[in-house]
Amino acid sequence: MELQGIGKIVFVAGLALAALGLFIWLGGRLGLGSLPGDLRFGDEKWGCYVPIGSMIVLSLLLTLIVNLVLRLFGR
């Protein structure tokens, strides 16, 4: 593999990582993780968090984004 090819892969991976970080940061600011349906239980010594409501919202958003991208590229 050429050096330019590896450079492109590293560049795209960096953009993907930056997009993921931005998405997580915005999600936290918009209240993702504390939606109705997110279950928290436990006591002082242990705890468990099951983000069912957040997972549903993320699934819907990612499905919408993937469908829009695929329609833009005509697949």
PDB file of N, CA and C in Angstrom:
ATOM      1  N   MET A   1       0.845  -1.169   0.000  1.00  0.00           N
ATOM      2  CA  MET A   1       0.000   0.000   0.000  1.00  0.00           C
ATOM      3  C   MET A   1       0.895   1.238   0.000  1.00  0.00           C
ATOM      4  N   GLU A   2       0.497   2.200  -0.792  1.00  0.00           N
ATOM      5  CA  GLU A   2       1.280   3.431  -0.893  1.00  0.00           C
ATOM      6  C   GLU A   2       1.124   4.287   0.359  1.00  0.00           C
ATOM      7  N   LEU A   3       2.063   5.185   0.536  1.00  0.00           N
ATOM      8  CA  LEU A   3       2.021   6.095   1.672  1.00  0.00           C
ATOM      9  C   LEU A   3       0.818   7.033   1.575  1.00  0.00           C
ATOM     10  N   GLN A   4       0.445   7.428   0.364  1.00  0.00           N
ATOM     11  CA  GLN A   4      -0.719   8.295   0.193  1.00  0.00           C
ATOM     12  C   GLN A   4      -2.003   7.578   0.603  1.00  0.00           C
ATOM     13  N   GLY A   5      -2.102   6.305   0.302  1.00  0.00           N
ATOM     14  CA  GLY A   5      -3.277   5.529   0.693  1.00  0.00           C
ATOM     15  C   GLY A   5      -3.409   5.419   2.198  1.00  0.00           C
ATOM     16  N   ILE A   6      -2.286   5.183   2.855  1.00  0.00           N
ATOM     17  CA  ILE A   6      -2.300   5.106   4.321  1.00  0.00           C
ATOM     18  C   ILE A   6      -2.655   6.471   4.903  1.00  0.00           C
ATOM     19  N   GLY A   7      -2.151   7.532   4.304  1.00  0.00           N
ATOM     20  CA  GLY A   7      -2.472   8.883   4.762  1.00  0.00           C
ATOM     21  C   GLY A   7      -3.958   9.177   4.662  1.00  0.00           C
ATOM     22  N   LYS A   8      -4.594   8.741   3.572  1.00  0.00           N
ATOM     23  CA  LYS A   8      -6.034   8.937   3.410  1.00  0.00           C
ATOM     24  C   LYS A   8      -6.804   8.175   4.480  1.00  0.00           C
ATOM     25  N   ILE A   9      -6.387   6.949   4.761  1.00  0.00           N
ATOM     26  CA  ILE A   9      -7.071   6.145   5.778  1.00  0.00           C
ATOM     27  C   ILE A   9      -6.950   6.807   7.144  1.00  0.00           C
ATOM     28  N   VAL A  10      -5.773   7.279   7.493  1.00  0.00           N
ATOM     29  CA  VAL A  10      -5.562   7.938   8.789  1.00  0.00           C
ATOM     30  C   VAL A  10      -6.383   9.224   8.862  1.00  0.00           C
ATOM     31  N   PHE A  11      -6.445   9.966   7.768  1.00  0.00           N
ATOM     32  CA  PHE A  11      -7.218  11.204   7.726  1.00  0.00           C
ATOM     33  C   PHE A  11      -8.704  10.933   7.934  1.00  0.00           C
ATOM     34  N   VAL A  12      -9.245   9.951   7.236  1.00  0.00           N
ATOM     35  CA  VAL A  12     -10.662   9.615   7.368  1.00  0.00           C
ATOM     36  C   VAL A  12     -10.957   9.078   8.772  1.00  0.00           C
ATOM     37  N   ALA A  13     -10.055   8.271   9.314  1.00  0.00           N
ATOM     38  CA  ALA A  13     -10.245   7.763  10.675  1.00  0.00           C
ATOM     39  C   ALA A  13     -10.234   8.911  11.677  1.00  0.00           C
ATOM     40  N   GLY A  14      -9.385   9.892  11.485  1.00  0.00           N
ATOM     41  CA  GLY A  14      -9.342  11.058  12.360  1.00  0.00           C
ATOM     42  C   GLY A  14     -10.621  11.876  12.274  1.00  0.00           C
ATOM     43  N   LEU A  15     -11.136  12.060  11.060  1.00  0.00           N
ATOM     44  CA  LEU A  15     -12.402  12.775  10.906  1.00  0.00           C
ATOM     45  C   LEU A  15     -13.548  12.020  11.564  1.00  0.00           C
ATOM     46  N   ALA A  16     -13.558  10.697  11.421  1.00  0.00           N
ATOM     47  CA  ALA A  16     -14.604   9.891  12.044  1.00  0.00           C
ATOM     48  C   ALA A  16     -14.516   9.994  13.569  1.00  0.00           C
ATOM     49  N   LEU A  17     -13.310   9.969  14.111  1.00  0.00           N
ATOM     50  CA  LEU A  17     -13.132  10.082  15.560  1.00  0.00           C
ATOM     51  C   LEU A  17     -13.560  11.458  16.057  1.00  0.00           C
ATOM     52  N   ALA A  18     -13.234  12.503  15.295  1.00  0.00           N
ATOM     53  CA  ALA A  18     -13.655  13.852  15.668  1.00  0.00           C
ATOM     54  C   ALA A  18     -15.173  13.985  15.606  1.00  0.00           C
ATOM     55  N   ALA A  19     -15.805  13.397  14.600  1.00  0.00           N
ATOM     56  CA  ALA A  19     -17.263  13.438  14.488  1.00  0.00           C
ATOM     57  C   ALA A  19     -17.910  12.687  15.650  1.00  0.00           C
ATOM     58  N   LEU A  20     -17.340  11.560  16.033  1.00  0.00           N
ATOM     59  CA  LEU A  20     -17.860  10.802  17.167  1.00  0.00           C
ATOM     60  C   LEU A  20     -17.742  11.610  18.458  1.00  0.00           C
ATOM     61  N   GLY A  21     -16.614  12.269  18.660  1.00  0.00           N
ATOM     62  CA  GLY A  21     -16.428  13.109  19.839  1.00  0.00           C
ATOM     63  C   GLY A  21     -17.414  14.266  19.873  1.00  0.00           C
ATOM     64  N   LEU A  22     -17.644  14.894  18.729  1.00  0.00           N
ATOM     65  CA  LEU A  22     -18.611  15.990  18.642  1.00  0.00           C
ATOM     66  C   LEU A  22     -20.012  15.483  18.945  1.00  0.00           C
ATOM     67  N   PHE A  23     -20.349  14.303  18.424  1.00  0.00           N
ATOM     68  CA  PHE A  23     -21.669  13.720  18.652  1.00  0.00           C
ATOM     69  C   PHE A  23     -21.881  13.405  20.130  1.00  0.00           C
ATOM     70  N   ILE A  24     -20.882  12.846  20.780  1.00  0.00           N
ATOM     71  CA  ILE A  24     -20.983  12.525  22.210  1.00  0.00           C
ATOM     72  C   ILE A  24     -21.086  13.806  23.032  1.00  0.00           C
ATOM     73  N   TRP A  25     -20.304  14.800  22.687  1.00  0.00           N
ATOM     74  CA  TRP A  25     -20.337  16.071  23.407  1.00  0.00           C
ATOM     75  C   TRP A  25     -21.703  16.741  23.269  1.00  0.00           C
ATOM     76  N   LEU A  26     -22.227  16.799  22.039  1.00  0.00           N
ATOM     77  CA  LEU A  26     -23.539  17.405  21.835  1.00  0.00           C
ATOM     78  C   LEU A  26     -24.636  16.586  22.494  1.00  0.00           C
ATOM     79  N   GLY A  27     -24.520  15.281  22.463  1.00  0.00           N
ATOM     80  CA  GLY A  27     -25.503  14.418  23.107  1.00  0.00           C
ATOM     81  C   GLY A  27     -25.589  14.671  24.596  1.00  0.00           C
ATOM     82  N   GLY A  28     -24.447  14.857  25.224  1.00  0.00           N
ATOM     83  CA  GLY A  28     -24.433  15.160  26.647  1.00  0.00           C
ATOM     84  C   GLY A  28     -25.052  16.509  26.958  1.00  0.00           C
ATOM     85  N   ARG A  29     -24.804  17.474  26.090  1.00  0.00           N
ATOM     86  CA  ARG A  29     -25.373  18.808  26.304  1.00  0.00           C
ATOM     87  C   ARG A  29     -26.870  18.841  26.051  1.00  0.00           C
ATOM     88  N   LEU A  30     -27.360  17.944  25.179  1.00  0.00           N
ATOM     89  CA  LEU A  30     -28.785  17.909  24.862  1.00  0.00           C
ATOM     90  C   LEU A  30     -29.572  16.983  25.785  1.00  0.00           C
ATOM     91  N   GLY A  31     -28.919  16.365  26.743  1.00  0.00           N
ATOM     92  CA  GLY A  31     -29.615  15.540  27.717  1.00  0.00           C
ATOM     93  C   GLY A  31     -29.633  14.065  27.394  1.00  0.00           C
ATOM     94  N   LEU A  32     -28.889  13.640  26.394  1.00  0.00           N
ATOM     95  CA  LEU A  32     -28.822  12.226  26.073  1.00  0.00           C
ATOM     96  C   LEU A  32     -28.166  11.504  27.244  1.00  0.00           C
ATOM     97  N   GLY A  33     -28.786  10.465  27.721  1.00  0.00           N
ATOM     98  CA  GLY A  33     -28.293   9.766  28.899  1.00  0.00           C
ATOM     99  C   GLY A  33     -29.155  10.001  30.116  1.00  0.00           C
ATOM    100  N   SER A  34     -30.078  10.944  30.007  1.00  0.00           N
ATOM    101  CA  SER A  34     -31.005  11.185  31.117  1.00  0.00           C
ATOM    102  C   SER A  34     -32.427  11.319  30.588  1.00  0.00           C
ATOM    103  N   LEU A  35     -32.742  10.553  29.557  1.00  0.00           N
ATOM    104  CA  LEU A  35     -34.070  10.581  28.958  1.00  0.00           C
ATOM    105  C   LEU A  35     -35.025   9.666  29.727  1.00  0.00           C
ATOM    106  N   PRO A  36     -36.330   9.903  29.568  1.00  0.00           N
ATOM    107  CA  PRO A  36     -37.278   8.941  30.136  1.00  0.00           C
ATOM    108  C   PRO A  36     -37.046   7.573  29.492  1.00  0.00           C
ATOM    109  N   GLY A  37     -37.020   6.550  30.272  1.00  0.00           N
ATOM    110  CA  GLY A  37     -36.728   5.214  29.757  1.00  0.00           C
ATOM    111  C   GLY A  37     -35.309   4.768  30.056  1.00  0.00           C
ATOM    112  N   ASP A  38     -34.451   5.684  30.467  1.00  0.00           N
ATOM    113  CA  ASP A  38     -33.111   5.319  30.908  1.00  0.00           C
ATOM    114  C   ASP A  38     -33.197   4.849  32.353  1.00  0.00           C
ATOM    115  N   LEU A  39     -32.806   3.616  32.593  1.00  0.00           N
ATOM    116  CA  LEU A  39     -32.974   3.020  33.917  1.00  0.00           C
ATOM    117  C   LEU A  39     -31.690   3.122  34.723  1.00  0.00           C
ATOM    118  N   ARG A  40     -31.822   3.573  35.959  1.00  0.00           N
ATOM    119  CA  ARG A  40     -30.710   3.613  36.915  1.00  0.00           C
ATOM    120  C   ARG A  40     -31.189   2.953  38.194  1.00  0.00           C
ATOM    121  N   PHE A  41     -30.440   1.994  38.669  1.00  0.00           N
ATOM    122  CA  PHE A  41     -30.783   1.385  39.949  1.00  0.00           C
ATOM    123  C   PHE A  41     -29.529   0.895  40.631  1.00  0.00           C
ATOM    124  N   GLY A  42     -29.640   0.699  41.926  1.00  0.00           N
ATOM    125  CA  GLY A  42     -28.518   0.268  42.742  1.00  0.00           C
ATOM    126  C   GLY A  42     -28.585   0.932  44.095  1.00  0.00           C
ATOM    127  N   ASP A  43     -27.490   0.844  44.834  1.00  0.00           N
ATOM    128  CA  ASP A  43     -27.408   1.513  46.126  1.00  0.00           C
ATOM    129  C   ASP A  43     -26.034   2.149  46.271  1.00  0.00           C
ATOM    130  N   GLU A  44     -25.578   2.345  47.501  1.00  0.00           N
ATOM    131  CA  GLU A  44     -24.315   3.044  47.727  1.00  0.00           C
ATOM    132  C   GLU A  44     -23.100   2.280  47.217  1.00  0.00           C
ATOM    133  N   LYS A  45     -23.145   0.950  47.249  1.00  0.00           N
ATOM    134  CA  LYS A  45     -21.981   0.152  46.888  1.00  0.00           C
ATOM    135  C   LYS A  45     -21.933  -0.243  45.419  1.00  0.00           C
ATOM    136  N   TRP A  46     -23.052  -0.244  44.751  1.00  0.00           N
ATOM    137  CA  TRP A  46     -23.060  -0.653  43.349  1.00  0.00           C
ATOM    138  C   TRP A  46     -24.178   0.088  42.631  1.00  0.00           C
ATOM    139  N   GLY A  47     -24.105   0.084  41.331  1.00  0.00           N
ATOM    140  CA  GLY A  47     -25.142   0.721  40.540  1.00  0.00           C
ATOM    141  C   GLY A  47     -25.148   0.154  39.133  1.00  0.00           C
ATOM    142  N   CYS A  48     -26.253   0.328  38.474  1.00  0.00           N
ATOM    143  CA  CYS A  48     -26.400  -0.147  37.100  1.00  0.00           C
ATOM    144  C   CYS A  48     -27.187   0.891  36.313  1.00  0.00           C
ATOM    145  N   TYR A  49     -26.753   1.159  35.099  1.00  0.00           N
ATOM    146  CA  TYR A  49     -27.392   2.138  34.232  1.00  0.00           C
ATOM    147  C   TYR A  49     -27.688   1.465  32.900  1.00  0.00           C
ATOM    148  N   VAL A  50     -28.956   1.474  32.492  1.00  0.00           N
ATOM    149  CA  VAL A  50     -29.382   0.864  31.227  1.00  0.00           C
ATOM    150  C   VAL A  50     -30.070   1.954  30.404  1.00  0.00           C
ATOM    151  N   PRO A  51     -29.387   2.502  29.387  1.00  0.00           N
ATOM    152  CA  PRO A  51     -29.925   3.639  28.636  1.00  0.00           C
ATOM    153  C   PRO A  51     -30.869   3.230  27.502  1.00  0.00           C
ATOM    154  N   ILE A  52     -32.014   2.648  27.832  1.00  0.00           N
ATOM    155  CA  ILE A  52     -32.938   2.174  26.804  1.00  0.00           C
ATOM    156  C   ILE A  52     -33.487   3.341  25.974  1.00  0.00           C
ATOM    157  N   GLY A  53     -33.939   4.394  26.619  1.00  0.00           N
ATOM    158  CA  GLY A  53     -34.476   5.551  25.895  1.00  0.00           C
ATOM    159  C   GLY A  53     -33.431   6.201  25.000  1.00  0.00           C
ATOM    160  N   SER A  54     -32.226   6.344  25.500  1.00  0.00           N
ATOM    161  CA  SER A  54     -31.146   6.938  24.705  1.00  0.00           C
ATOM    162  C   SER A  54     -30.781   6.050  23.524  1.00  0.00           C
ATOM    163  N   MET A  55     -30.798   4.723  23.729  1.00  0.00           N
ATOM    164  CA  MET A  55     -30.477   3.810  22.624  1.00  0.00           C
ATOM    165  C   MET A  55     -31.513   3.902  21.512  1.00  0.00           C
ATOM    166  N   ILE A  56     -32.777   4.059  21.866  1.00  0.00           N
ATOM    167  CA  ILE A  56     -33.827   4.184  20.856  1.00  0.00           C
ATOM    168  C   ILE A  56     -33.643   5.470  20.060  1.00  0.00           C
ATOM    169  N   VAL A  57     -33.380   6.571  20.752  1.00  0.00           N
ATOM    170  CA  VAL A  57     -33.169   7.853  20.062  1.00  0.00           C
ATOM    171  C   VAL A  57     -31.947   7.772  19.143  1.00  0.00           C
ATOM    172  N   LEU A  58     -30.840   7.212  19.629  1.00  0.00           N
ATOM    173  CA  LEU A  58     -29.636   7.078  18.798  1.00  0.00           C
ATOM    174  C   LEU A  58     -29.893   6.188  17.590  1.00  0.00           C
ATOM    175  N   SER A  59     -30.631   5.119  17.769  1.00  0.00           N
ATOM    176  CA  SER A  59     -30.946   4.226  16.665  1.00  0.00           C
ATOM    177  C   SER A  59     -31.749   4.953  15.591  1.00  0.00           C
ATOM    178  N   LEU A  60     -32.740   5.722  16.001  1.00  0.00           N
ATOM    179  CA  LEU A  60     -33.539   6.471  15.037  1.00  0.00           C
ATOM    180  C   LEU A  60     -32.706   7.516  14.300  1.00  0.00           C
ATOM    181  N   LEU A  61     -31.859   8.244  15.032  1.00  0.00           N
ATOM    182  CA  LEU A  61     -31.016   9.265  14.401  1.00  0.00           C
ATOM    183  C   LEU A  61     -30.016   8.657  13.428  1.00  0.00           C
ATOM    184  N   LEU A  62     -29.359   7.573  13.833  1.00  0.00           N
ATOM    185  CA  LEU A  62     -28.381   6.942  12.951  1.00  0.00           C
ATOM    186  C   LEU A  62     -29.037   6.327  11.727  1.00  0.00           C
ATOM    187  N   THR A  63     -30.233   5.755  11.883  1.00  0.00           N
ATOM    188  CA  THR A  63     -30.965   5.224  10.736  1.00  0.00           C
ATOM    189  C   THR A  63     -31.310   6.327   9.759  1.00  0.00           C
ATOM    190  N   LEU A  64     -31.760   7.458  10.259  1.00  0.00           N
ATOM    191  CA  LEU A  64     -32.081   8.600   9.410  1.00  0.00           C
ATOM    192  C   LEU A  64     -30.847   9.110   8.676  1.00  0.00           C
ATOM    193  N   ILE A  65     -29.740   9.234   9.383  1.00  0.00           N
ATOM    194  CA  ILE A  65     -28.507   9.736   8.764  1.00  0.00           C
ATOM    195  C   ILE A  65     -28.009   8.782   7.687  1.00  0.00           C
ATOM    196  N   VAL A  66     -27.982   7.486   7.979  1.00  0.00           N
ATOM    197  CA  VAL A  66     -27.506   6.506   6.992  1.00  0.00           C
ATOM    198  C   VAL A  66     -28.412   6.500   5.764  1.00  0.00           C
ATOM    199  N   ASN A  67     -29.730   6.565   5.960  1.00  0.00           N
ATOM    200  CA  ASN A  67     -30.637   6.594   4.821  1.00  0.00           C
ATOM    201  C   ASN A  67     -30.453   7.846   3.971  1.00  0.00           C
ATOM    202  N   LEU A  68     -30.247   8.993   4.608  1.00  0.00           N
ATOM    203  CA  LEU A  68     -30.011  10.223   3.850  1.00  0.00           C
ATOM    204  C   LEU A  68     -28.711  10.155   3.051  1.00  0.00           C
ATOM    205  N   VAL A  69     -27.660   9.628   3.669  1.00  0.00           N
ATOM    206  CA  VAL A  69     -26.376   9.514   2.973  1.00  0.00           C
ATOM    207  C   VAL A  69     -26.500   8.549   1.788  1.00  0.00           C
ATOM    208  N   LEU A  70     -27.171   7.430   1.981  1.00  0.00           N
ATOM    209  CA  LEU A  70     -27.336   6.474   0.881  1.00  0.00           C
ATOM    210  C   LEU A  70     -28.175   7.042  -0.238  1.00  0.00           C
ATOM    211  N   ARG A  71     -29.190   7.837   0.066  1.00  0.00           N
ATOM    212  CA  ARG A  71     -29.994   8.455  -0.984  1.00  0.00           C
ATOM    213  C   ARG A  71     -29.184   9.501  -1.738  1.00  0.00           C
ATOM    214  N   LEU A  72     -28.325  10.231  -1.032  1.00  0.00           N
ATOM    215  CA  LEU A  72     -27.494  11.236  -1.703  1.00  0.00           C
ATOM    216  C   LEU A  72     -26.520  10.602  -2.683  1.00  0.00           C
ATOM    217  N   PHE A  73     -25.999   9.431  -2.346  1.00  0.00           N
ATOM    218  CA  PHE A  73     -25.057   8.757  -3.218  1.00  0.00           C
ATOM    219  C   PHE A  73     -25.735   7.811  -4.188  1.00  0.00           C
ATOM    220  N   GLY A  74     -27.079   7.754  -4.175  1.00  0.00           N
ATOM    221  CA  GLY A  74     -27.837   6.996  -5.162  1.00  0.00           C
ATOM    222  C   GLY A  74     -27.762   5.503  -5.033  1.00  0.00           C
ATOM    223  N   ARG A  75     -27.662   4.977  -3.839  1.00  0.00           N
ATOM    224  CA  ARG A  75     -27.603   3.523  -3.667  1.00  0.00           C
ATOM    225  C   ARG A  75     -28.894   3.016  -3.107  1.00  0.00           C
TER     226      ARG A  75
END
